[in-house]
Amino acid sequence: MSVQQPRAGLAVSSAALGAVAVVMAVSAWVTWAFVRPRAGDALPSPVAVVLTLVLGALWVLILVMAVLAVLFGVLGRHAAVGPARAGATFGAVAALLALAGAVAFVVTATDWLVVVPGQR
């Protein structure tokens, strides 16, 4: 039985996945700046709600990509140190951006909650 060492492909895929995750996270934040509903206003338009929900789902996807980039970087660090370190760094930055985006989404979505007193 032979034990295989991590290949350089893991390091390269970590760098690529991390870079794509960072670009997607920054793009999502730029889109969020244009779409986000203002706090305290009336309920936002249906288009703004749909776009906000799509951005919330996108941040979850970016978070998964960032975790995979860090994981691949850690696993591929023995084969190719440079790309593995870059991928893990990109993944960590993307994870921070995605977590901040997810928190912003949750705060915005809870602002949409309208409590109407029951009528008898």
PDB file of N, CA and C in Angstrom:
ATOM      1  N   MET A   1       0.842  -1.174   0.000  1.00  0.00           N
ATOM      2  CA  MET A   1       0.000   0.000   0.000  1.00  0.00           C
ATOM      3  C   MET A   1       0.888   1.237   0.000  1.00  0.00           C
ATOM      4  N   SER A   2       0.633   2.127  -0.952  1.00  0.00           N
ATOM      5  CA  SER A   2       1.439   3.336  -1.051  1.00  0.00           C
ATOM      6  C   SER A   2       0.599   4.550  -0.668  1.00  0.00           C
ATOM      7  N   VAL A   3       1.247   5.482  -0.031  1.00  0.00           N
ATOM      8  CA  VAL A   3       0.591   6.711   0.366  1.00  0.00           C
ATOM      9  C   VAL A   3       0.995   7.794  -0.635  1.00  0.00           C
ATOM     10  N   GLN A   4       0.007   8.426  -1.235  1.00  0.00           N
ATOM     11  CA  GLN A   4       0.301   9.459  -2.224  1.00  0.00           C
ATOM     12  C   GLN A   4       0.438  10.812  -1.536  1.00  0.00           C
ATOM     13  N   GLN A   5       1.422  11.544  -1.982  1.00  0.00           N
ATOM     14  CA  GLN A   5       1.621  12.899  -1.488  1.00  0.00           C
ATOM     15  C   GLN A   5       0.710  13.855  -2.274  1.00  0.00           C
ATOM     16  N   PRO A   6       0.305  14.948  -1.635  1.00  0.00           N
ATOM     17  CA  PRO A   6      -0.492  15.925  -2.369  1.00  0.00           C
ATOM     18  C   PRO A   6       0.269  16.426  -3.587  1.00  0.00           C
ATOM     19  N   ARG A   7      -0.429  16.604  -4.659  1.00  0.00           N
ATOM     20  CA  ARG A   7       0.212  17.030  -5.898  1.00  0.00           C
ATOM     21  C   ARG A   7       0.195  18.546  -6.024  1.00  0.00           C
ATOM     22  N   ALA A   8       0.952  19.017  -6.948  1.00  0.00           N
ATOM     23  CA  ALA A   8       1.009  20.456  -7.195  1.00  0.00           C
ATOM     24  C   ALA A   8      -0.314  20.970  -7.742  1.00  0.00           C
ATOM     25  N   GLY A   9      -1.124  20.091  -8.298  1.00  0.00           N
ATOM     26  CA  GLY A   9      -2.437  20.496  -8.811  1.00  0.00           C
ATOM     27  C   GLY A   9      -3.340  21.060  -7.730  1.00  0.00           C
ATOM     28  N   LEU A  10      -3.220  20.543  -6.522  1.00  0.00           N
ATOM     29  CA  LEU A  10      -4.013  21.081  -5.421  1.00  0.00           C
ATOM     30  C   LEU A  10      -3.625  22.522  -5.125  1.00  0.00           C
ATOM     31  N   ALA A  11      -2.339  22.801  -5.171  1.00  0.00           N
ATOM     32  CA  ALA A  11      -1.876  24.168  -4.904  1.00  0.00           C
ATOM     33  C   ALA A  11      -2.337  25.124  -5.995  1.00  0.00           C
ATOM     34  N   VAL A  12      -2.245  24.691  -7.238  1.00  0.00           N
ATOM     35  CA  VAL A  12      -2.663  25.543  -8.353  1.00  0.00           C
ATOM     36  C   VAL A  12      -4.177  25.759  -8.318  1.00  0.00           C
ATOM     37  N   SER A  13      -4.928  24.693  -8.036  1.00  0.00           N
ATOM     38  CA  SER A  13      -6.379  24.854  -7.958  1.00  0.00           C
ATOM     39  C   SER A  13      -6.769  25.723  -6.770  1.00  0.00           C
ATOM     40  N   SER A  14      -5.996  25.670  -5.702  1.00  0.00           N
ATOM     41  CA  SER A  14      -6.248  26.539  -4.554  1.00  0.00           C
ATOM     42  C   SER A  14      -6.068  27.999  -4.942  1.00  0.00           C
ATOM     43  N   ALA A  15      -5.009  28.296  -5.659  1.00  0.00           N
ATOM     44  CA  ALA A  15      -4.762  29.679  -6.081  1.00  0.00           C
ATOM     45  C   ALA A  15      -5.846  30.166  -7.033  1.00  0.00           C
ATOM     46  N   ALA A  16      -6.232  29.333  -7.978  1.00  0.00           N
ATOM     47  CA  ALA A  16      -7.270  29.727  -8.931  1.00  0.00           C
ATOM     48  C   ALA A  16      -8.619  29.902  -8.242  1.00  0.00           C
ATOM     49  N   LEU A  17      -8.980  28.962  -7.402  1.00  0.00           N
ATOM     50  CA  LEU A  17     -10.261  29.028  -6.704  1.00  0.00           C
ATOM     51  C   LEU A  17     -10.309  30.219  -5.742  1.00  0.00           C
ATOM     52  N   GLY A  18      -9.206  30.472  -5.057  1.00  0.00           N
ATOM     53  CA  GLY A  18      -9.155  31.615  -4.152  1.00  0.00           C
ATOM     54  C   GLY A  18      -9.259  32.938  -4.893  1.00  0.00           C
ATOM     55  N   ALA A  19      -8.573  33.053  -6.024  1.00  0.00           N
ATOM     56  CA  ALA A  19      -8.627  34.291  -6.799  1.00  0.00           C
ATOM     57  C   ALA A  19     -10.037  34.535  -7.344  1.00  0.00           C
ATOM     58  N   VAL A  20     -10.672  33.494  -7.838  1.00  0.00           N
ATOM     59  CA  VAL A  20     -12.043  33.634  -8.349  1.00  0.00           C
ATOM     60  C   VAL A  20     -12.998  34.005  -7.213  1.00  0.00           C
ATOM     61  N   ALA A  21     -12.798  33.414  -6.048  1.00  0.00           N
ATOM     62  CA  ALA A  21     -13.662  33.721  -4.898  1.00  0.00           C
ATOM     63  C   ALA A  21     -13.509  35.177  -4.471  1.00  0.00           C
ATOM     64  N   VAL A  22     -12.293  35.703  -4.487  1.00  0.00           N
ATOM     65  CA  VAL A  22     -12.086  37.105  -4.118  1.00  0.00           C
ATOM     66  C   VAL A  22     -12.757  38.025  -5.137  1.00  0.00           C
ATOM     67  N   VAL A  23     -12.603  37.729  -6.413  1.00  0.00           N
ATOM     68  CA  VAL A  23     -13.225  38.561  -7.453  1.00  0.00           C
ATOM     69  C   VAL A  23     -14.747  38.517  -7.321  1.00  0.00           C
ATOM     70  N   MET A  24     -15.297  37.336  -7.066  1.00  0.00           N
ATOM     71  CA  MET A  24     -16.744  37.230  -6.900  1.00  0.00           C
ATOM     72  C   MET A  24     -17.218  37.964  -5.651  1.00  0.00           C
ATOM     73  N   ALA A  25     -16.452  37.892  -4.575  1.00  0.00           N
ATOM     74  CA  ALA A  25     -16.845  38.574  -3.338  1.00  0.00           C
ATOM     75  C   ALA A  25     -16.828  40.084  -3.517  1.00  0.00           C
ATOM     76  N   VAL A  26     -15.808  40.602  -4.151  1.00  0.00           N
ATOM     77  CA  VAL A  26     -15.740  42.048  -4.389  1.00  0.00           C
ATOM     78  C   VAL A  26     -16.867  42.475  -5.334  1.00  0.00           C
ATOM     79  N   SER A  27     -17.149  41.666  -6.349  1.00  0.00           N
ATOM     80  CA  SER A  27     -18.241  41.984  -7.271  1.00  0.00           C
ATOM     81  C   SER A  27     -19.584  41.965  -6.558  1.00  0.00           C
ATOM     82  N   ALA A  28     -19.765  41.024  -5.648  1.00  0.00           N
ATOM     83  CA  ALA A  28     -21.013  40.964  -4.886  1.00  0.00           C
ATOM     84  C   ALA A  28     -21.156  42.186  -3.994  1.00  0.00           C
ATOM     85  N   TRP A  29     -20.057  42.631  -3.399  1.00  0.00           N
ATOM     86  CA  TRP A  29     -20.126  43.827  -2.551  1.00  0.00           C
ATOM     87  C   TRP A  29     -20.420  45.081  -3.367  1.00  0.00           C
ATOM     88  N   VAL A  30     -19.859  45.182  -4.560  1.00  0.00           N
ATOM     89  CA  VAL A  30     -20.145  46.332  -5.421  1.00  0.00           C
ATOM     90  C   VAL A  30     -21.621  46.315  -5.820  1.00  0.00           C
ATOM     91  N   THR A  31     -22.128  45.143  -6.169  1.00  0.00           N
ATOM     92  CA  THR A  31     -23.547  45.022  -6.505  1.00  0.00           C
ATOM     93  C   THR A  31     -24.414  45.365  -5.303  1.00  0.00           C
ATOM     94  N   TRP A  32     -24.003  44.909  -4.126  1.00  0.00           N
ATOM     95  CA  TRP A  32     -24.743  45.200  -2.896  1.00  0.00           C
ATOM     96  C   TRP A  32     -24.833  46.717  -2.658  1.00  0.00           C
ATOM     97  N   ALA A  33     -23.782  47.434  -2.979  1.00  0.00           N
ATOM     98  CA  ALA A  33     -23.788  48.879  -2.778  1.00  0.00           C
ATOM     99  C   ALA A  33     -24.848  49.568  -3.639  1.00  0.00           C
ATOM    100  N   PHE A  34     -25.137  49.004  -4.806  1.00  0.00           N
ATOM    101  CA  PHE A  34     -26.149  49.585  -5.681  1.00  0.00           C
ATOM    102  C   PHE A  34     -27.563  49.101  -5.370  1.00  0.00           C
ATOM    103  N   VAL A  35     -27.689  47.897  -4.844  1.00  0.00           N
ATOM    104  CA  VAL A  35     -29.003  47.264  -4.699  1.00  0.00           C
ATOM    105  C   VAL A  35     -29.581  47.413  -3.302  1.00  0.00           C
ATOM    106  N   ARG A  36     -28.754  47.490  -2.303  1.00  0.00           N
ATOM    107  CA  ARG A  36     -29.226  47.367  -0.916  1.00  0.00           C
ATOM    108  C   ARG A  36     -30.357  48.333  -0.608  1.00  0.00           C
ATOM    109  N   PRO A  37     -31.385  47.818   0.054  1.00  0.00           N
ATOM    110  CA  PRO A  37     -32.471  48.699   0.468  1.00  0.00           C
ATOM    111  C   PRO A  37     -32.038  49.548   1.656  1.00  0.00           C
ATOM    112  N   ARG A  38     -32.562  50.731   1.749  1.00  0.00           N
ATOM    113  CA  ARG A  38     -32.218  51.619   2.854  1.00  0.00           C
ATOM    114  C   ARG A  38     -32.958  51.185   4.119  1.00  0.00           C
ATOM    115  N   ALA A  39     -32.280  51.281   5.229  1.00  0.00           N
ATOM    116  CA  ALA A  39     -32.896  50.907   6.498  1.00  0.00           C
ATOM    117  C   ALA A  39     -33.932  51.957   6.886  1.00  0.00           C
ATOM    118  N   GLY A  40     -35.036  51.497   7.424  1.00  0.00           N
ATOM    119  CA  GLY A  40     -36.065  52.393   7.898  1.00  0.00           C
ATOM    120  C   GLY A  40     -37.068  52.807   6.841  1.00  0.00           C
ATOM    121  N   ASP A  41     -36.796  52.529   5.577  1.00  0.00           N
ATOM    122  CA  ASP A  41     -37.760  52.856   4.526  1.00  0.00           C
ATOM    123  C   ASP A  41     -38.886  51.843   4.525  1.00  0.00           C
ATOM    124  N   ALA A  42     -39.843  52.085   3.666  1.00  0.00           N
ATOM    125  CA  ALA A  42     -40.914  51.107   3.470  1.00  0.00           C
ATOM    126  C   ALA A  42     -40.313  49.847   2.860  1.00  0.00           C
ATOM    127  N   LEU A  43     -41.138  48.845   2.692  1.00  0.00           N
ATOM    128  CA  LEU A  43     -40.629  47.604   2.110  1.00  0.00           C
ATOM    129  C   LEU A  43     -40.018  47.884   0.739  1.00  0.00           C
ATOM    130  N   PRO A  44     -38.891  47.248   0.435  1.00  0.00           N
ATOM    131  CA  PRO A  44     -38.230  47.505  -0.849  1.00  0.00           C
ATOM    132  C   PRO A  44     -39.035  46.919  -2.009  1.00  0.00           C
ATOM    133  N   SER A  45     -38.651  47.294  -3.193  1.00  0.00           N
ATOM    134  CA  SER A  45     -39.336  46.787  -4.380  1.00  0.00           C
ATOM    135  C   SER A  45     -39.056  45.299  -4.537  1.00  0.00           C
ATOM    136  N   PRO A  46     -39.922  44.588  -5.234  1.00  0.00           N
ATOM    137  CA  PRO A  46     -39.696  43.148  -5.438  1.00  0.00           C
ATOM    138  C   PRO A  46     -38.380  42.845  -6.156  1.00  0.00           C
ATOM    139  N   VAL A  47     -37.977  43.721  -7.061  1.00  0.00           N
ATOM    140  CA  VAL A  47     -36.711  43.505  -7.766  1.00  0.00           C
ATOM    141  C   VAL A  47     -35.544  43.583  -6.789  1.00  0.00           C
ATOM    142  N   ALA A  48     -35.571  44.554  -5.889  1.00  0.00           N
ATOM    143  CA  ALA A  48     -34.501  44.681  -4.891  1.00  0.00           C
ATOM    144  C   ALA A  48     -34.481  43.489  -3.953  1.00  0.00           C
ATOM    145  N   VAL A  49     -35.655  42.973  -3.608  1.00  0.00           N
ATOM    146  CA  VAL A  49     -35.718  41.801  -2.735  1.00  0.00           C
ATOM    147  C   VAL A  49     -35.107  40.589  -3.426  1.00  0.00           C
ATOM    148  N   VAL A  50     -35.457  40.375  -4.685  1.00  0.00           N
ATOM    149  CA  VAL A  50     -34.921  39.219  -5.421  1.00  0.00           C
ATOM    150  C   VAL A  50     -33.413  39.341  -5.584  1.00  0.00           C
ATOM    151  N   LEU A  51     -32.930  40.519  -5.949  1.00  0.00           N
ATOM    152  CA  LEU A  51     -31.486  40.702  -6.102  1.00  0.00           C
ATOM    153  C   LEU A  51     -30.754  40.516  -4.774  1.00  0.00           C
ATOM    154  N   THR A  52     -31.356  40.967  -3.694  1.00  0.00           N
ATOM    155  CA  THR A  52     -30.740  40.783  -2.384  1.00  0.00           C
ATOM    156  C   THR A  52     -30.693  39.317  -2.000  1.00  0.00           C
ATOM    157  N   LEU A  53     -31.751  38.578  -2.293  1.00  0.00           N
ATOM    158  CA  LEU A  53     -31.753  37.137  -2.019  1.00  0.00           C
ATOM    159  C   LEU A  53     -30.711  36.403  -2.856  1.00  0.00           C
ATOM    160  N   VAL A  54     -30.565  36.810  -4.101  1.00  0.00           N
ATOM    161  CA  VAL A  54     -29.540  36.195  -4.962  1.00  0.00           C
ATOM    162  C   VAL A  54     -28.148  36.493  -4.412  1.00  0.00           C
ATOM    163  N   LEU A  55     -27.922  37.718  -3.955  1.00  0.00           N
ATOM    164  CA  LEU A  55     -26.622  38.046  -3.373  1.00  0.00           C
ATOM    165  C   LEU A  55     -26.372  37.264  -2.088  1.00  0.00           C
ATOM    166  N   GLY A  56     -27.406  37.040  -1.291  1.00  0.00           N
ATOM    167  CA  GLY A  56     -27.250  36.223  -0.087  1.00  0.00           C
ATOM    168  C   GLY A  56     -26.825  34.804  -0.422  1.00  0.00           C
ATOM    169  N   ALA A  57     -27.445  34.234  -1.454  1.00  0.00           N
ATOM    170  CA  ALA A  57     -27.054  32.887  -1.886  1.00  0.00           C
ATOM    171  C   ALA A  57     -25.651  32.884  -2.474  1.00  0.00           C
ATOM    172  N   LEU A  58     -25.301  33.947  -3.166  1.00  0.00           N
ATOM    173  CA  LEU A  58     -23.960  34.045  -3.752  1.00  0.00           C
ATOM    174  C   LEU A  58     -22.894  34.104  -2.675  1.00  0.00           C
ATOM    175  N   TRP A  59     -23.176  34.788  -1.577  1.00  0.00           N
ATOM    176  CA  TRP A  59     -22.194  34.846  -0.497  1.00  0.00           C
ATOM    177  C   TRP A  59     -21.987  33.487   0.151  1.00  0.00           C
ATOM    178  N   VAL A  60     -23.032  32.683   0.211  1.00  0.00           N
ATOM    179  CA  VAL A  60     -22.863  31.316   0.727  1.00  0.00           C
ATOM    180  C   VAL A  60     -21.986  30.509  -0.225  1.00  0.00           C
ATOM    181  N   LEU A  61     -22.214  30.648  -1.522  1.00  0.00           N
ATOM    182  CA  LEU A  61     -21.385  29.955  -2.510  1.00  0.00           C
ATOM    183  C   LEU A  61     -19.930  30.416  -2.428  1.00  0.00           C
ATOM    184  N   ILE A  62     -19.712  31.705  -2.267  1.00  0.00           N
ATOM    185  CA  ILE A  62     -18.350  32.235  -2.149  1.00  0.00           C
ATOM    186  C   ILE A  62     -17.678  31.693  -0.894  1.00  0.00           C
ATOM    187  N   LEU A  63     -18.429  31.559   0.177  1.00  0.00           N
ATOM    188  CA  LEU A  63     -17.867  31.014   1.409  1.00  0.00           C
ATOM    189  C   LEU A  63     -17.418  29.569   1.211  1.00  0.00           C
ATOM    190  N   VAL A  64     -18.201  28.786   0.495  1.00  0.00           N
ATOM    191  CA  VAL A  64     -17.811  27.402   0.203  1.00  0.00           C
ATOM    192  C   VAL A  64     -16.549  27.378  -0.653  1.00  0.00           C
ATOM    193  N   MET A  65     -16.499  28.244  -1.666  1.00  0.00           N
ATOM    194  CA  MET A  65     -15.304  28.306  -2.511  1.00  0.00           C
ATOM    195  C   MET A  65     -14.075  28.708  -1.705  1.00  0.00           C
ATOM    196  N   ALA A  66     -14.238  29.636  -0.783  1.00  0.00           N
ATOM    197  CA  ALA A  66     -13.111  30.101   0.028  1.00  0.00           C
ATOM    198  C   ALA A  66     -12.605  28.997   0.945  1.00  0.00           C
ATOM    199  N   VAL A  67     -13.520  28.251   1.534  1.00  0.00           N
ATOM    200  CA  VAL A  67     -13.103  27.143   2.400  1.00  0.00           C
ATOM    201  C   VAL A  67     -12.366  26.084   1.589  1.00  0.00           C
ATOM    202  N   LEU A  68     -12.853  25.792   0.397  1.00  0.00           N
ATOM    203  CA  LEU A  68     -12.146  24.829  -0.457  1.00  0.00           C
ATOM    204  C   LEU A  68     -10.769  25.340  -0.866  1.00  0.00           C
ATOM    205  N   ALA A  69     -10.652  26.638  -1.144  1.00  0.00           N
ATOM    206  CA  ALA A  69      -9.348  27.200  -1.505  1.00  0.00           C
ATOM    207  C   ALA A  69      -8.355  27.060  -0.356  1.00  0.00           C
ATOM    208  N   VAL A  70      -8.803  27.336   0.862  1.00  0.00           N
ATOM    209  CA  VAL A  70      -7.914  27.186   2.018  1.00  0.00           C
ATOM    210  C   VAL A  70      -7.557  25.716   2.219  1.00  0.00           C
ATOM    211  N   LEU A  71      -8.533  24.841   2.102  1.00  0.00           N
ATOM    212  CA  LEU A  71      -8.284  23.407   2.276  1.00  0.00           C
ATOM    213  C   LEU A  71      -7.301  22.877   1.234  1.00  0.00           C
ATOM    214  N   PHE A  72      -7.506  23.234  -0.027  1.00  0.00           N
ATOM    215  CA  PHE A  72      -6.586  22.795  -1.076  1.00  0.00           C
ATOM    216  C   PHE A  72      -5.199  23.383  -0.879  1.00  0.00           C
ATOM    217  N   GLY A  73      -5.134  24.621  -0.405  1.00  0.00           N
ATOM    218  CA  GLY A  73      -3.838  25.237  -0.139  1.00  0.00           C
ATOM    219  C   GLY A  73      -3.087  24.526   0.964  1.00  0.00           C
ATOM    220  N   VAL A  74      -3.802  24.134   2.005  1.00  0.00           N
ATOM    221  CA  VAL A  74      -3.153  23.412   3.103  1.00  0.00           C
ATOM    222  C   VAL A  74      -2.705  22.029   2.647  1.00  0.00           C
ATOM    223  N   LEU A  75      -3.540  21.362   1.860  1.00  0.00           N
ATOM    224  CA  LEU A  75      -3.180  20.020   1.392  1.00  0.00           C
ATOM    225  C   LEU A  75      -2.060  20.039   0.355  1.00  0.00           C
ATOM    226  N   GLY A  76      -1.962  21.099  -0.423  1.00  0.00           N
ATOM    227  CA  GLY A  76      -0.946  21.154  -1.471  1.00  0.00           C
ATOM    228  C   GLY A  76       0.306  21.923  -1.100  1.00  0.00           C
ATOM    229  N   ARG A  77       0.469  22.253   0.160  1.00  0.00           N
ATOM    230  CA  ARG A  77       1.603  23.097   0.556  1.00  0.00           C
ATOM    231  C   ARG A  77       2.946  22.398   0.426  1.00  0.00           C
ATOM    232  N   HIS A  78       2.988  21.073   0.440  1.00  0.00           N
ATOM    233  CA  HIS A  78       4.271  20.366   0.329  1.00  0.00           C
ATOM    234  C   HIS A  78       4.744  20.271  -1.119  1.00  0.00           C
ATOM    235  N   ALA A  79       3.807  20.274  -2.059  1.00  0.00           N
ATOM    236  CA  ALA A  79       4.188  20.117  -3.457  1.00  0.00           C
ATOM    237  C   ALA A  79       4.589  21.449  -4.092  1.00  0.00           C
ATOM    238  N   ALA A  80       3.845  22.489  -3.825  1.00  0.00           N
ATOM    239  CA  ALA A  80       4.141  23.807  -4.405  1.00  0.00           C
ATOM    240  C   ALA A  80       3.783  24.864  -3.368  1.00  0.00           C
ATOM    241  N   VAL A  81       4.779  25.395  -2.723  1.00  0.00           N
ATOM    242  CA  VAL A  81       4.551  26.293  -1.593  1.00  0.00           C
ATOM    243  C   VAL A  81       3.937  27.619  -2.041  1.00  0.00           C
ATOM    244  N   GLY A  82       4.435  28.220  -3.108  1.00  0.00           N
ATOM    245  CA  GLY A  82       3.965  29.547  -3.543  1.00  0.00           C
ATOM    246  C   GLY A  82       2.488  29.584  -3.888  1.00  0.00           C
ATOM    247  N   PRO A  83       2.047  28.757  -4.841  1.00  0.00           N
ATOM    248  CA  PRO A  83       0.618  28.779  -5.178  1.00  0.00           C
ATOM    249  C   PRO A  83      -0.279  28.347  -4.016  1.00  0.00           C
ATOM    250  N   ALA A  84       0.204  27.430  -3.194  1.00  0.00           N
ATOM    251  CA  ALA A  84      -0.604  26.983  -2.056  1.00  0.00           C
ATOM    252  C   ALA A  84      -0.792  28.113  -1.052  1.00  0.00           C
ATOM    253  N   ARG A  85       0.261  28.844  -0.779  1.00  0.00           N
ATOM    254  CA  ARG A  85       0.170  29.962   0.157  1.00  0.00           C
ATOM    255  C   ARG A  85      -0.716  31.073  -0.417  1.00  0.00           C
ATOM    256  N   ALA A  86      -0.573  31.348  -1.699  1.00  0.00           N
ATOM    257  CA  ALA A  86      -1.408  32.375  -2.336  1.00  0.00           C
ATOM    258  C   ALA A  86      -2.874  31.964  -2.319  1.00  0.00           C
ATOM    259  N   GLY A  87      -3.148  30.702  -2.619  1.00  0.00           N
ATOM    260  CA  GLY A  87      -4.530  30.225  -2.612  1.00  0.00           C
ATOM    261  C   GLY A  87      -5.154  30.266  -1.231  1.00  0.00           C
ATOM    262  N   ALA A  88      -4.389  29.881  -0.219  1.00  0.00           N
ATOM    263  CA  ALA A  88      -4.914  29.932   1.144  1.00  0.00           C
ATOM    264  C   ALA A  88      -5.154  31.373   1.584  1.00  0.00           C
ATOM    265  N   THR A  89      -4.295  32.281   1.174  1.00  0.00           N
ATOM    266  CA  THR A  89      -4.478  33.692   1.520  1.00  0.00           C
ATOM    267  C   THR A  89      -5.698  34.277   0.814  1.00  0.00           C
ATOM    268  N   PHE A  90      -5.811  34.009  -0.487  1.00  0.00           N
ATOM    269  CA  PHE A  90      -6.993  34.459  -1.222  1.00  0.00           C
ATOM    270  C   PHE A  90      -8.264  33.869  -0.620  1.00  0.00           C
ATOM    271  N   GLY A  91      -8.201  32.605  -0.250  1.00  0.00           N
ATOM    272  CA  GLY A  91      -9.360  31.958   0.352  1.00  0.00           C
ATOM    273  C   GLY A  91      -9.753  32.598   1.673  1.00  0.00           C
ATOM    274  N   ALA A  92      -8.767  32.953   2.487  1.00  0.00           N
ATOM    275  CA  ALA A  92      -9.067  33.596   3.773  1.00  0.00           C
ATOM    276  C   ALA A  92      -9.681  34.971   3.562  1.00  0.00           C
ATOM    277  N   VAL A  93      -9.167  35.730   2.605  1.00  0.00           N
ATOM    278  CA  VAL A  93      -9.730  37.061   2.310  1.00  0.00           C
ATOM    279  C   VAL A  93     -11.160  36.918   1.793  1.00  0.00           C
ATOM    280  N   ALA A  94     -11.378  35.964   0.892  1.00  0.00           N
ATOM    281  CA  ALA A  94     -12.721  35.749   0.351  1.00  0.00           C
ATOM    282  C   ALA A  94     -13.679  35.290   1.438  1.00  0.00           C
ATOM    283  N   ALA A  95     -13.201  34.470   2.364  1.00  0.00           N
ATOM    284  CA  ALA A  95     -14.064  34.007   3.462  1.00  0.00           C
ATOM    285  C   ALA A  95     -14.481  35.176   4.348  1.00  0.00           C
ATOM    286  N   LEU A  96     -13.553  36.081   4.634  1.00  0.00           N
ATOM    287  CA  LEU A  96     -13.902  37.255   5.443  1.00  0.00           C
ATOM    288  C   LEU A  96     -14.920  38.145   4.726  1.00  0.00           C
ATOM    289  N   LEU A  97     -14.718  38.359   3.431  1.00  0.00           N
ATOM    290  CA  LEU A  97     -15.664  39.162   2.659  1.00  0.00           C
ATOM    291  C   LEU A  97     -17.035  38.501   2.595  1.00  0.00           C
ATOM    292  N   ALA A  98     -17.044  37.183   2.427  1.00  0.00           N
ATOM    293  CA  ALA A  98     -18.317  36.458   2.334  1.00  0.00           C
ATOM    294  C   ALA A  98     -19.037  36.434   3.675  1.00  0.00           C
ATOM    295  N   LEU A  99     -18.309  36.267   4.756  1.00  0.00           N
ATOM    296  CA  LEU A  99     -18.948  36.294   6.072  1.00  0.00           C
ATOM    297  C   LEU A  99     -19.542  37.669   6.362  1.00  0.00           C
ATOM    298  N   ALA A 100     -18.816  38.713   6.024  1.00  0.00           N
ATOM    299  CA  ALA A 100     -19.346  40.062   6.215  1.00  0.00           C
ATOM    300  C   ALA A 100     -20.582  40.281   5.345  1.00  0.00           C
ATOM    301  N   GLY A 101     -20.564  39.762   4.136  1.00  0.00           N
ATOM    302  CA  GLY A 101     -21.734  39.873   3.259  1.00  0.00           C
ATOM    303  C   GLY A 101     -22.923  39.101   3.789  1.00  0.00           C
ATOM    304  N   ALA A 102     -22.672  37.923   4.339  1.00  0.00           N
ATOM    305  CA  ALA A 102     -23.770  37.139   4.907  1.00  0.00           C
ATOM    306  C   ALA A 102     -24.382  37.856   6.107  1.00  0.00           C
ATOM    307  N   VAL A 103     -23.552  38.478   6.926  1.00  0.00           N
ATOM    308  CA  VAL A 103     -24.075  39.239   8.070  1.00  0.00           C
ATOM    309  C   VAL A 103     -24.888  40.433   7.574  1.00  0.00           C
ATOM    310  N   ALA A 104     -24.404  41.123   6.567  1.00  0.00           N
ATOM    311  CA  ALA A 104     -25.147  42.258   6.009  1.00  0.00           C
ATOM    312  C   ALA A 104     -26.483  41.799   5.429  1.00  0.00           C
ATOM    313  N   PHE A 105     -26.492  40.650   4.789  1.00  0.00           N
ATOM    314  CA  PHE A 105     -27.736  40.111   4.240  1.00  0.00           C
ATOM    315  C   PHE A 105     -28.731  39.792   5.353  1.00  0.00           C
ATOM    316  N   VAL A 106     -28.266  39.143   6.419  1.00  0.00           N
ATOM    317  CA  VAL A 106     -29.169  38.782   7.518  1.00  0.00           C
ATOM    318  C   VAL A 106     -29.731  40.032   8.193  1.00  0.00           C
ATOM    319  N   VAL A 107     -28.892  41.034   8.393  1.00  0.00           N
ATOM    320  CA  VAL A 107     -29.362  42.276   9.018  1.00  0.00           C
ATOM    321  C   VAL A 107     -30.402  42.944   8.127  1.00  0.00           C
ATOM    322  N   THR A 108     -30.175  42.961   6.833  1.00  0.00           N
ATOM    323  CA  THR A 108     -31.125  43.567   5.907  1.00  0.00           C
ATOM    324  C   THR A 108     -32.418  42.774   5.851  1.00  0.00           C
ATOM    325  N   ALA A 109     -32.309  41.455   5.812  1.00  0.00           N
ATOM    326  CA  ALA A 109     -33.507  40.623   5.723  1.00  0.00           C
ATOM    327  C   ALA A 109     -34.353  40.728   6.993  1.00  0.00           C
ATOM    328  N   THR A 110     -33.737  40.872   8.147  1.00  0.00           N
ATOM    329  CA  THR A 110     -34.530  41.021   9.368  1.00  0.00           C
ATOM    330  C   THR A 110     -35.196  42.384   9.427  1.00  0.00           C
ATOM    331  N   ASP A 111     -34.671  43.365   8.712  1.00  0.00           N
ATOM    332  CA  ASP A 111     -35.313  44.669   8.651  1.00  0.00           C
ATOM    333  C   ASP A 111     -36.602  44.603   7.825  1.00  0.00           C
ATOM    334  N   TRP A 112     -36.731  43.586   6.967  1.00  0.00           N
ATOM    335  CA  TRP A 112     -37.929  43.429   6.156  1.00  0.00           C
ATOM    336  C   TRP A 112     -39.096  42.880   6.964  1.00  0.00           C
ATOM    337  N   LEU A 113     -38.819  42.362   8.128  1.00  0.00           N
ATOM    338  CA  LEU A 113     -39.869  41.752   8.938  1.00  0.00           C
ATOM    339  C   LEU A 113     -40.828  42.825   9.427  1.00  0.00           C
ATOM    340  N   VAL A 114     -42.075  42.674   9.055  1.00  0.00           N
ATOM    341  CA  VAL A 114     -43.096  43.638   9.443  1.00  0.00           C
ATOM    342  C   VAL A 114     -44.042  42.930  10.409  1.00  0.00           C
ATOM    343  N   VAL A 115     -44.147  43.456  11.604  1.00  0.00           N
ATOM    344  CA  VAL A 115     -45.047  42.873  12.592  1.00  0.00           C
ATOM    345  C   VAL A 115     -46.330  43.680  12.587  1.00  0.00           C
ATOM    346  N   VAL A 116     -47.422  42.998  12.282  1.00  0.00           N
ATOM    347  CA  VAL A 116     -48.724  43.642  12.234  1.00  0.00           C
ATOM    348  C   VAL A 116     -49.527  43.124  13.425  1.00  0.00           C
ATOM    349  N   PRO A 117     -50.031  44.012  14.270  1.00  0.00           N
ATOM    350  CA  PRO A 117     -50.811  43.538  15.400  1.00  0.00           C
ATOM    351  C   PRO A 117     -52.084  42.838  14.920  1.00  0.00           C
ATOM    352  N   GLY A 118     -52.434  41.778  15.626  1.00  0.00           N
ATOM    353  CA  GLY A 118     -53.621  41.010  15.256  1.00  0.00           C
ATOM    354  C   GLY A 118     -54.900  41.813  15.479  1.00  0.00           C
ATOM    355  N   GLN A 119     -55.800  41.703  14.521  1.00  0.00           N
ATOM    356  CA  GLN A 119     -57.065  42.415  14.615  1.00  0.00           C
ATOM    357  C   GLN A 119     -58.143  41.425  15.041  1.00  0.00           C
ATOM    358  N   ARG A 120     -59.051  41.878  15.883  1.00  0.00           N
ATOM    359  CA  ARG A 120     -60.106  40.981  16.363  1.00  0.00           C
ATOM    360  C   ARG A 120     -61.428  41.367  15.794  1.00  0.00           C
TER     361      ARG A 120
END
